Amino acid sequence: MPQHEAVFRFFTDNAEQIYRALQPELSDEVNPRSVTRCWLEGTTTLVLQVEAEDTAALRAALNMYLRLVNIASEVQELVKK
């Protein structure tokens, strides 16, 4: 049962594109000690929730997903230019 949780809300016009970019990673959970969920709230809010059994698993999952959100956001900005 997860004992640690982190929830992030990203407010961006690219929420849907970032959400779609994360979907392949979310369907392939690689760490049995953590669970990651992602969903949209409206058209401009992306919510990322990570639950983990221990702080090391939480840190590892957050590092990966926050990096992926950042990369997807940067790519959307490049596409706009």
N, C-alpha and C. Protein backbone atom coordinates (compact mmCIF):
# COMPACT_ATOMS: atom_id res chain seq x y z
N MET A 1 0.84 -1.18 0.00
CA MET A 1 0.00 0.00 0.00
C MET A 1 0.89 1.25 0.00
N PRO A 2 0.67 2.17 -0.94
CA PRO A 2 1.50 3.38 -1.00
C PRO A 2 1.39 4.23 0.26
N GLN A 3 2.53 4.70 0.72
CA GLN A 3 2.56 5.54 1.92
C GLN A 3 2.95 6.98 1.60
N HIS A 4 3.47 7.21 0.40
CA HIS A 4 3.94 8.53 0.02
C HIS A 4 3.23 8.96 -1.25
N GLU A 5 2.92 10.25 -1.33
CA GLU A 5 2.18 10.73 -2.50
C GLU A 5 2.64 12.15 -2.85
N ALA A 6 2.68 12.43 -4.13
CA ALA A 6 2.95 13.78 -4.63
C ALA A 6 1.96 14.05 -5.76
N VAL A 7 1.39 15.25 -5.75
CA VAL A 7 0.45 15.65 -6.79
C VAL A 7 0.91 16.99 -7.35
N PHE A 8 1.02 17.07 -8.66
CA PHE A 8 1.41 18.30 -9.34
C PHE A 8 0.31 18.70 -10.31
N ARG A 9 0.04 19.99 -10.38
CA ARG A 9 -0.89 20.54 -11.36
C ARG A 9 -0.11 21.50 -12.24
N PHE A 10 -0.15 21.23 -13.53
CA PHE A 10 0.54 22.08 -14.51
C PHE A 10 -0.52 22.87 -15.26
N PHE A 11 -0.42 24.17 -15.21
CA PHE A 11 -1.38 25.05 -15.90
C PHE A 11 -0.71 25.53 -17.19
N THR A 12 -1.19 25.02 -18.32
CA THR A 12 -0.57 25.32 -19.61
C THR A 12 -1.59 25.16 -20.73
N ASP A 13 -1.41 25.92 -21.77
CA ASP A 13 -2.26 25.77 -22.95
C ASP A 13 -1.96 24.46 -23.69
N ASN A 14 -0.84 23.82 -23.35
CA ASN A 14 -0.43 22.57 -24.02
C ASN A 14 -0.76 21.34 -23.18
N ALA A 15 -1.69 21.45 -22.25
CA ALA A 15 -1.98 20.34 -21.34
C ALA A 15 -2.37 19.07 -22.08
N GLU A 16 -3.23 19.19 -23.08
CA GLU A 16 -3.67 17.99 -23.81
C GLU A 16 -2.53 17.33 -24.57
N GLN A 17 -1.67 18.12 -25.20
CA GLN A 17 -0.54 17.55 -25.95
C GLN A 17 0.44 16.87 -25.01
N ILE A 18 0.70 17.47 -23.87
CA ILE A 18 1.62 16.86 -22.90
C ILE A 18 1.01 15.57 -22.36
N TYR A 19 -0.28 15.61 -22.07
CA TYR A 19 -0.99 14.41 -21.59
C TYR A 19 -0.84 13.27 -22.58
N ARG A 20 -1.06 13.55 -23.86
CA ARG A 20 -0.94 12.50 -24.88
C ARG A 20 0.49 12.00 -25.00
N ALA A 21 1.46 12.87 -24.80
CA ALA A 21 2.87 12.46 -24.87
C ALA A 21 3.24 11.53 -23.72
N LEU A 22 2.58 11.68 -22.58
CA LEU A 22 2.87 10.84 -21.41
C LEU A 22 2.18 9.48 -21.45
N GLN A 23 1.14 9.33 -22.23
CA GLN A 23 0.34 8.11 -22.23
C GLN A 23 1.15 6.83 -22.45
N PRO A 24 2.07 6.77 -23.40
CA PRO A 24 2.82 5.50 -23.56
C PRO A 24 3.60 5.11 -22.31
N GLU A 25 4.16 6.09 -21.62
CA GLU A 25 4.91 5.80 -20.39
C GLU A 25 3.98 5.34 -19.27
N LEU A 26 2.81 5.93 -19.19
CA LEU A 26 1.87 5.57 -18.12
C LEU A 26 1.32 4.16 -18.29
N SER A 27 1.23 3.70 -19.52
CA SER A 27 0.70 2.35 -19.76
C SER A 27 1.75 1.27 -19.50
N ASP A 28 3.01 1.66 -19.41
CA ASP A 28 4.10 0.71 -19.14
C ASP A 28 4.73 0.99 -17.79
N GLU A 29 4.01 0.76 -16.72
CA GLU A 29 4.57 0.99 -15.38
C GLU A 29 5.73 0.02 -15.18
N VAL A 30 6.91 0.56 -14.91
CA VAL A 30 8.10 -0.27 -14.79
C VAL A 30 8.51 -0.51 -13.35
N ASN A 31 8.04 0.30 -12.42
CA ASN A 31 8.43 0.15 -11.04
C ASN A 31 7.24 -0.37 -10.22
N PRO A 32 7.34 -1.57 -9.68
CA PRO A 32 6.22 -2.12 -8.91
C PRO A 32 6.00 -1.41 -7.57
N ARG A 33 6.94 -0.55 -7.16
CA ARG A 33 6.82 0.14 -5.88
C ARG A 33 6.13 1.50 -6.00
N SER A 34 5.75 1.89 -7.22
CA SER A 34 5.06 3.17 -7.39
C SER A 34 3.95 3.06 -8.42
N VAL A 35 2.99 3.95 -8.28
CA VAL A 35 1.87 4.03 -9.22
C VAL A 35 1.75 5.48 -9.64
N THR A 36 1.65 5.71 -10.95
CA THR A 36 1.54 7.06 -11.47
C THR A 36 0.25 7.19 -12.26
N ARG A 37 -0.46 8.27 -11.99
CA ARG A 37 -1.69 8.57 -12.71
C ARG A 37 -1.57 9.98 -13.28
N CYS A 38 -2.24 10.19 -14.39
CA CYS A 38 -2.22 11.50 -15.02
C CYS A 38 -3.59 11.73 -15.65
N TRP A 39 -4.10 12.95 -15.52
CA TRP A 39 -5.39 13.27 -16.12
C TRP A 39 -5.47 14.77 -16.38
N LEU A 40 -6.47 15.13 -17.16
CA LEU A 40 -6.72 16.53 -17.49
C LEU A 40 -7.87 17.06 -16.64
N GLU A 41 -7.73 18.29 -16.21
CA GLU A 41 -8.82 19.02 -15.58
C GLU A 41 -9.09 20.22 -16.47
N GLY A 42 -10.15 20.13 -17.22
CA GLY A 42 -10.42 21.18 -18.20
C GLY A 42 -9.46 21.06 -19.37
N THR A 43 -9.23 22.16 -20.04
CA THR A 43 -8.36 22.14 -21.22
C THR A 43 -6.96 22.66 -20.94
N THR A 44 -6.75 23.25 -19.77
CA THR A 44 -5.45 23.87 -19.50
C THR A 44 -4.76 23.37 -18.24
N THR A 45 -5.26 22.29 -17.64
CA THR A 45 -4.63 21.78 -16.42
C THR A 45 -4.33 20.30 -16.56
N LEU A 46 -3.07 19.96 -16.40
CA LEU A 46 -2.61 18.57 -16.39
C LEU A 46 -2.27 18.21 -14.95
N VAL A 47 -2.81 17.11 -14.46
CA VAL A 47 -2.55 16.67 -13.09
C VAL A 47 -1.71 15.39 -13.14
N LEU A 48 -0.64 15.38 -12.37
CA LEU A 48 0.24 14.22 -12.26
C LEU A 48 0.25 13.79 -10.80
N GLN A 49 -0.12 12.53 -10.54
CA GLN A 49 -0.16 11.99 -9.18
C GLN A 49 0.75 10.77 -9.13
N VAL A 50 1.65 10.77 -8.17
CA VAL A 50 2.56 9.63 -7.98
C VAL A 50 2.41 9.15 -6.55
N GLU A 51 2.17 7.85 -6.39
CA GLU A 51 2.11 7.21 -5.08
C GLU A 51 3.20 6.15 -5.04
N ALA A 52 3.86 6.04 -3.89
CA ALA A 52 4.96 5.07 -3.78
C ALA A 52 5.03 4.49 -2.38
N GLU A 53 5.64 3.32 -2.31
CA GLU A 53 5.80 2.63 -1.03
C GLU A 53 6.86 3.28 -0.16
N ASP A 54 7.88 3.89 -0.79
CA ASP A 54 8.98 4.49 -0.04
C ASP A 54 9.48 5.74 -0.76
N THR A 55 10.27 6.52 -0.06
CA THR A 55 10.73 7.79 -0.64
C THR A 55 11.65 7.61 -1.84
N ALA A 56 12.43 6.54 -1.85
CA ALA A 56 13.32 6.30 -2.99
C ALA A 56 12.51 6.03 -4.26
N ALA A 57 11.46 5.24 -4.14
CA ALA A 57 10.60 4.96 -5.29
C ALA A 57 9.85 6.22 -5.73
N LEU A 58 9.41 7.03 -4.77
CA LEU A 58 8.74 8.29 -5.10
C LEU A 58 9.68 9.22 -5.85
N ARG A 59 10.90 9.37 -5.36
CA ARG A 59 11.89 10.23 -6.00
C ARG A 59 12.19 9.76 -7.43
N ALA A 60 12.37 8.47 -7.61
CA ALA A 60 12.69 7.94 -8.94
C ALA A 60 11.54 8.19 -9.92
N ALA A 61 10.33 7.94 -9.49
CA ALA A 61 9.18 8.16 -10.38
C ALA A 61 9.01 9.64 -10.69
N LEU A 62 9.15 10.49 -9.67
CA LEU A 62 9.02 11.93 -9.91
C LEU A 62 10.10 12.44 -10.85
N ASN A 63 11.33 11.99 -10.66
CA ASN A 63 12.40 12.40 -11.57
C ASN A 63 12.04 12.09 -13.02
N MET A 64 11.57 10.89 -13.25
CA MET A 64 11.25 10.48 -14.61
C MET A 64 10.08 11.28 -15.18
N TYR A 65 8.96 11.35 -14.45
CA TYR A 65 7.77 11.99 -15.00
C TYR A 65 7.90 13.50 -15.09
N LEU A 66 8.55 14.12 -14.13
CA LEU A 66 8.75 15.58 -14.22
C LEU A 66 9.67 15.93 -15.38
N ARG A 67 10.66 15.09 -15.62
CA ARG A 67 11.54 15.30 -16.78
C ARG A 67 10.75 15.15 -18.08
N LEU A 68 9.89 14.14 -18.15
CA LEU A 68 9.08 13.93 -19.36
C LEU A 68 8.11 15.09 -19.59
N VAL A 69 7.49 15.60 -18.53
CA VAL A 69 6.60 16.75 -18.68
C VAL A 69 7.38 17.95 -19.19
N ASN A 70 8.56 18.17 -18.64
CA ASN A 70 9.39 19.29 -19.06
C ASN A 70 9.79 19.17 -20.52
N ILE A 71 10.21 18.00 -20.94
CA ILE A 71 10.61 17.79 -22.33
C ILE A 71 9.42 17.98 -23.27
N ALA A 72 8.27 17.43 -22.92
CA ALA A 72 7.09 17.58 -23.77
C ALA A 72 6.68 19.04 -23.88
N SER A 73 6.80 19.77 -22.79
CA SER A 73 6.47 21.19 -22.81
C SER A 73 7.45 21.97 -23.68
N GLU A 74 8.73 21.67 -23.57
CA GLU A 74 9.73 22.34 -24.40
C GLU A 74 9.52 22.05 -25.88
N VAL A 75 9.17 20.83 -26.21
CA VAL A 75 8.92 20.48 -27.60
C VAL A 75 7.71 21.25 -28.14
N GLN A 76 6.66 21.38 -27.32
CA GLN A 76 5.48 22.15 -27.75
C GLN A 76 5.85 23.60 -28.01
N GLU A 77 6.71 24.17 -27.20
CA GLU A 77 7.15 25.55 -27.41
C GLU A 77 7.94 25.68 -28.70
N LEU A 78 8.78 24.68 -29.00
CA LEU A 78 9.56 24.70 -30.25
C LEU A 78 8.64 24.60 -31.46
N VAL A 79 7.61 23.78 -31.35
CA VAL A 79 6.67 23.59 -32.46
C VAL A 79 5.93 24.89 -32.76
N LYS A 80 5.65 25.66 -31.72
CA LYS A 80 4.92 26.92 -31.90
C LYS A 80 5.74 27.95 -32.69
N LYS A 81 7.06 27.87 -32.58
CA LYS A 81 7.93 28.88 -33.23
C LYS A 81 8.00 28.70 -34.70
